[in-house]
Amino acid sequence: MMKECLGITINSKAVHMIVRWSLLTGMAWTLLACASATPVSLNDTTDADGVPAWVNDGSSIRTSKAGRRFHGVGSAPMLGDFSLQTSTADNRARSEINRILASYVEIVSRDFIASGDAEETGFSEQNVALQMDQLANIDLTGIQVIGHWQDKQSKIIYSIAEVDMQQVREAIKSAESLHPGLRKFIKTEGDNIFDRIAVSEE
C-alpha cells in the first residue's frame, strides 16, 4: 500500500521499518547511557545509601594483591549533554591522578633529602617545588577510567581513573626533566615509600 505525504509517495511497509529502526536506535542509546552510569565500585562495596566506596573515599593511593595503584576520582554536574558530562568527569579524574602523583613525588623528594644522599647529587629543598612543576611534562599514557556512577537525585556523575605504580615508574624513568638523583631514588625506594603511605585493600 502506498501513501502520499507532503507530495512524496511512501510505501507503508517502509514507514513501519523506519519507525521500528528509530525506536530500536533510541532504546540502544538509552541502554548505553544507563550502562555508562551504572554503579561500578572497587570490590563492589557500597554504603547504606548505595554509594560506591570509591566515591566516598575520593582520590587515593592503594595497595593490594593486584598491585600498587593511584586512583583519581572526578565528578561533573548536569551539563545538558550526557556525553559531555561524562567526559568532563573523566578528565577531572585523570587530573586527580596527576595531583596525587605530585603529592607522592613530593613525599619521595623529602625522603630523598632526609636520606642524606640528595646533597651529593645537588638536590636540595629548593628543588622540591621545581620537581612538582616538572611533573606536568610526564606522559602518563597508562591512565584508564575504570568506573562511573551517577547520583540519582543530583544527577552528578562520578568517574574513577587508575594507573599502576609500574606505569608511573616507567614514565618517571624516562622523564629527563626530573632530577636524575631523584629518579634513581624513586627506582630504589619508590615502592617502599608507596607502601608506607598507601591504603591497603587487604
Protein backbone atom coordinates (compact mmCIF):
# COMPACT_ATOMS: atom_id res chain seq x y z
CA MET A 1 0.00 0.00 0.00
CA MET A 2 1.33 3.47 -0.97
CA LYS A 3 0.72 6.72 0.92
CA GLU A 4 1.46 10.29 -0.15
CA CYS A 5 2.87 12.72 2.40
CA LEU A 6 4.00 16.28 1.52
CA GLY A 7 3.96 15.31 -2.12
CA ILE A 8 6.19 12.28 -1.54
CA THR A 9 4.90 8.77 -2.15
CA ILE A 10 5.93 6.45 0.67
CA ASN A 11 5.49 2.71 0.96
CA SER A 12 3.65 1.95 4.25
CA LYS A 13 5.97 -1.00 4.87
CA ALA A 14 8.96 1.31 4.57
CA VAL A 15 7.35 3.71 7.06
CA HIS A 16 6.91 0.84 9.50
CA MET A 17 10.56 -0.18 9.13
CA ILE A 18 11.78 3.39 9.65
CA VAL A 19 9.69 3.82 12.80
CA ARG A 20 10.86 0.46 14.15
CA TRP A 21 14.50 1.30 13.40
CA SER A 22 14.15 4.68 15.15
CA LEU A 23 12.66 3.04 18.25
CA LEU A 24 15.40 0.40 18.39
CA THR A 25 18.09 3.06 17.95
CA GLY A 26 16.57 5.14 20.74
CA MET A 27 16.44 2.12 23.02
CA ALA A 28 20.08 1.30 22.26
CA TRP A 29 21.23 4.81 23.16
CA THR A 30 19.16 4.71 26.35
CA LEU A 31 20.71 1.39 27.37
CA LEU A 32 24.19 2.71 26.59
CA ALA A 33 23.60 5.79 28.72
CA CYS A 34 22.30 3.70 31.61
CA ALA A 35 25.23 1.29 31.34
CA SER A 36 27.70 4.16 31.46
CA ALA A 37 26.12 5.44 34.66
CA THR A 38 25.64 2.06 36.29
CA PRO A 39 27.28 1.94 39.73
CA VAL A 40 30.76 0.46 39.40
CA SER A 41 32.77 0.16 42.59
CA LEU A 42 36.02 -1.32 43.75
CA ASN A 43 35.31 -4.62 45.47
CA ASP A 44 31.58 -3.95 44.83
CA THR A 45 31.21 -2.21 48.20
CA THR A 46 28.60 0.48 48.79
CA ASP A 47 27.31 2.38 51.79
CA ALA A 48 23.76 2.27 53.19
CA ASP A 49 22.60 4.71 50.51
CA GLY A 50 24.08 2.63 47.68
CA VAL A 51 27.01 4.99 47.07
CA PRO A 52 30.18 3.14 45.94
CA ALA A 53 33.03 3.21 48.43
CA TRP A 54 35.36 4.84 45.89
CA VAL A 55 33.01 7.84 45.59
CA ASN A 56 33.13 8.37 49.36
CA ASP A 57 36.87 7.68 49.59
CA GLY A 58 37.87 10.02 46.76
CA SER A 59 41.31 10.04 45.18
CA SER A 60 43.77 7.71 46.86
CA ILE A 61 46.95 5.67 46.71
CA ARG A 62 46.17 1.98 47.21
CA THR A 63 47.99 -1.30 47.50
CA SER A 64 46.58 -4.81 47.22
CA LYS A 65 47.39 -8.24 45.81
CA ALA A 66 46.59 -6.73 42.40
CA GLY A 67 49.44 -4.24 42.76
CA ARG A 68 50.17 -0.63 43.62
CA ARG A 69 47.73 1.84 42.08
CA PHE A 70 46.93 5.54 42.00
CA HIS A 71 43.18 6.28 41.91
CA GLY A 72 41.77 9.63 40.86
CA VAL A 73 38.09 10.48 41.36
CA GLY A 74 36.41 13.32 39.48
CA SER A 75 32.83 14.50 39.13
CA ALA A 76 30.68 16.70 36.92
CA PRO A 77 27.19 18.23 37.40
CA MET A 78 24.47 18.12 34.77
CA LEU A 79 25.68 19.93 31.67
CA GLY A 80 22.74 19.31 29.37
CA ASP A 81 24.61 16.62 27.48
CA PHE A 82 25.31 13.18 28.95
CA SER A 83 28.44 12.57 26.88
CA LEU A 84 29.91 15.98 27.77
CA GLN A 85 29.11 15.45 31.45
CA THR A 86 30.79 12.03 31.46
CA SER A 87 33.89 13.19 29.60
CA THR A 88 34.21 16.16 31.97
CA ALA A 89 34.12 13.83 34.98
CA ASP A 90 36.65 11.53 33.26
CA ASN A 91 39.07 14.40 32.60
CA ARG A 92 38.78 15.59 36.20
CA ALA A 93 39.52 12.06 37.41
CA ARG A 94 42.65 11.97 35.23
CA SER A 95 43.68 15.37 36.61
CA GLU A 96 43.32 13.95 40.12
CA ILE A 97 45.84 11.24 39.19
CA ASN A 98 48.35 13.97 38.36
CA ARG A 99 47.59 15.75 41.64
CA ILE A 100 48.12 12.73 43.88
CA LEU A 101 51.19 11.74 41.86
CA ALA A 102 52.61 15.19 42.61
CA SER A 103 51.92 14.60 46.31
CA TYR A 104 53.66 11.23 46.12
CA VAL A 105 56.74 12.69 44.41
CA GLU A 106 56.87 15.46 46.99
CA ILE A 107 56.98 12.87 49.78
CA VAL A 108 59.67 10.91 47.91
CA SER A 109 61.67 14.12 47.40
CA ARG A 110 61.66 14.92 51.10
CA ASP A 111 62.62 11.34 51.95
CA PHE A 112 65.45 11.67 49.44
CA ILE A 113 66.69 14.81 51.22
CA ALA A 114 66.35 13.14 54.63
CA SER A 115 68.39 10.14 53.45
CA GLY A 116 71.49 12.31 53.10
CA ASP A 117 72.11 11.12 49.53
CA ALA A 118 70.45 14.14 47.95
CA GLU A 119 73.22 16.56 48.84
CA GLU A 120 75.78 14.53 46.90
CA THR A 121 73.66 14.82 43.75
CA GLY A 122 72.98 18.53 44.18
CA PHE A 123 69.34 18.03 45.15
CA SER A 124 68.05 20.36 47.87
CA GLU A 125 64.84 21.68 49.43
CA GLN A 126 64.70 24.31 46.69
CA ASN A 127 64.43 21.56 44.08
CA VAL A 128 61.21 20.08 45.50
CA ALA A 129 58.87 22.75 44.10
CA LEU A 130 60.64 22.54 40.75
CA GLN A 131 60.01 18.79 40.56
CA MET A 132 56.30 19.42 41.15
CA ASP A 133 56.26 21.73 38.13
CA GLN A 134 58.16 19.21 36.01
CA LEU A 135 55.52 16.54 36.64
CA ALA A 136 53.23 18.30 34.18
CA ASN A 137 55.57 17.11 31.43
CA ILE A 138 55.34 13.43 32.36
CA ASP A 139 53.37 11.39 29.85
CA LEU A 140 51.10 9.04 31.81
CA THR A 141 49.55 7.21 28.89
CA GLY A 142 48.51 4.31 31.12
CA ILE A 143 45.74 6.22 32.89
CA GLN A 144 42.41 4.44 32.41
CA VAL A 145 38.90 5.35 33.54
CA ILE A 146 37.67 2.18 35.22
CA GLY A 147 34.24 3.14 36.52
CA HIS A 148 31.32 5.57 36.60
CA TRP A 149 28.49 6.21 39.00
CA GLN A 150 25.61 8.68 38.81
CA ASP A 151 23.75 10.07 41.80
CA LYS A 152 20.04 9.58 41.03
CA GLN A 153 18.99 12.72 42.91
CA SER A 154 21.63 15.29 41.99
CA LYS A 155 22.42 13.65 38.60
CA ILE A 156 26.12 14.27 39.29
CA ILE A 157 28.35 11.76 37.50
CA TYR A 158 31.46 10.42 39.24
CA SER A 159 34.40 8.84 37.41
CA ILE A 160 37.34 6.89 38.76
CA ALA A 161 40.64 6.69 36.89
CA GLU A 162 43.56 4.37 37.63
CA VAL A 163 47.24 3.98 36.83
CA ASP A 164 49.56 1.44 38.45
CA MET A 165 52.94 2.11 40.02
CA GLN A 166 54.80 0.20 37.31
CA GLN A 167 53.47 2.56 34.65
CA VAL A 168 54.33 5.57 36.82
CA ARG A 169 57.83 4.22 37.42
CA GLU A 170 58.39 3.79 33.68
CA ALA A 171 57.14 7.31 33.00
CA ILE A 172 59.40 8.78 35.70
CA LYS A 173 62.35 6.74 34.43
CA SER A 174 62.07 8.36 31.00
CA ALA A 175 61.26 11.86 32.32
CA GLU A 176 64.53 13.68 31.67
CA SER A 177 63.07 16.86 33.18
CA LEU A 178 63.15 15.29 36.66
CA HIS A 179 66.34 15.37 38.71
CA PRO A 180 68.46 12.27 37.91
CA GLY A 181 69.22 11.69 41.59
CA LEU A 182 65.52 11.75 42.41
CA ARG A 183 64.72 9.37 39.55
CA LYS A 184 67.29 6.93 40.87
CA PHE A 185 65.91 7.22 44.40
CA ILE A 186 62.39 6.51 43.17
CA LYS A 187 63.69 3.44 41.38
CA THR A 188 65.23 2.01 44.55
CA GLU A 189 62.89 3.32 47.28
CA GLY A 190 59.70 4.25 45.43
CA ASP A 191 57.78 1.05 46.21
CA ASN A 192 58.69 1.12 49.91
CA ILE A 193 57.52 4.71 50.24
CA PHE A 194 54.36 3.89 48.28
CA ASP A 195 53.54 1.01 50.66
CA ARG A 196 54.14 3.27 53.66
CA ILE A 197 51.61 5.89 52.62
CA ALA A 198 49.11 3.73 50.70
CA VAL A 199 45.73 2.48 51.86
CA SER A 200 45.78 -1.30 51.98
CA GLU A 201 42.82 -3.15 50.46
CA GLU A 202 43.81 -6.44 52.05
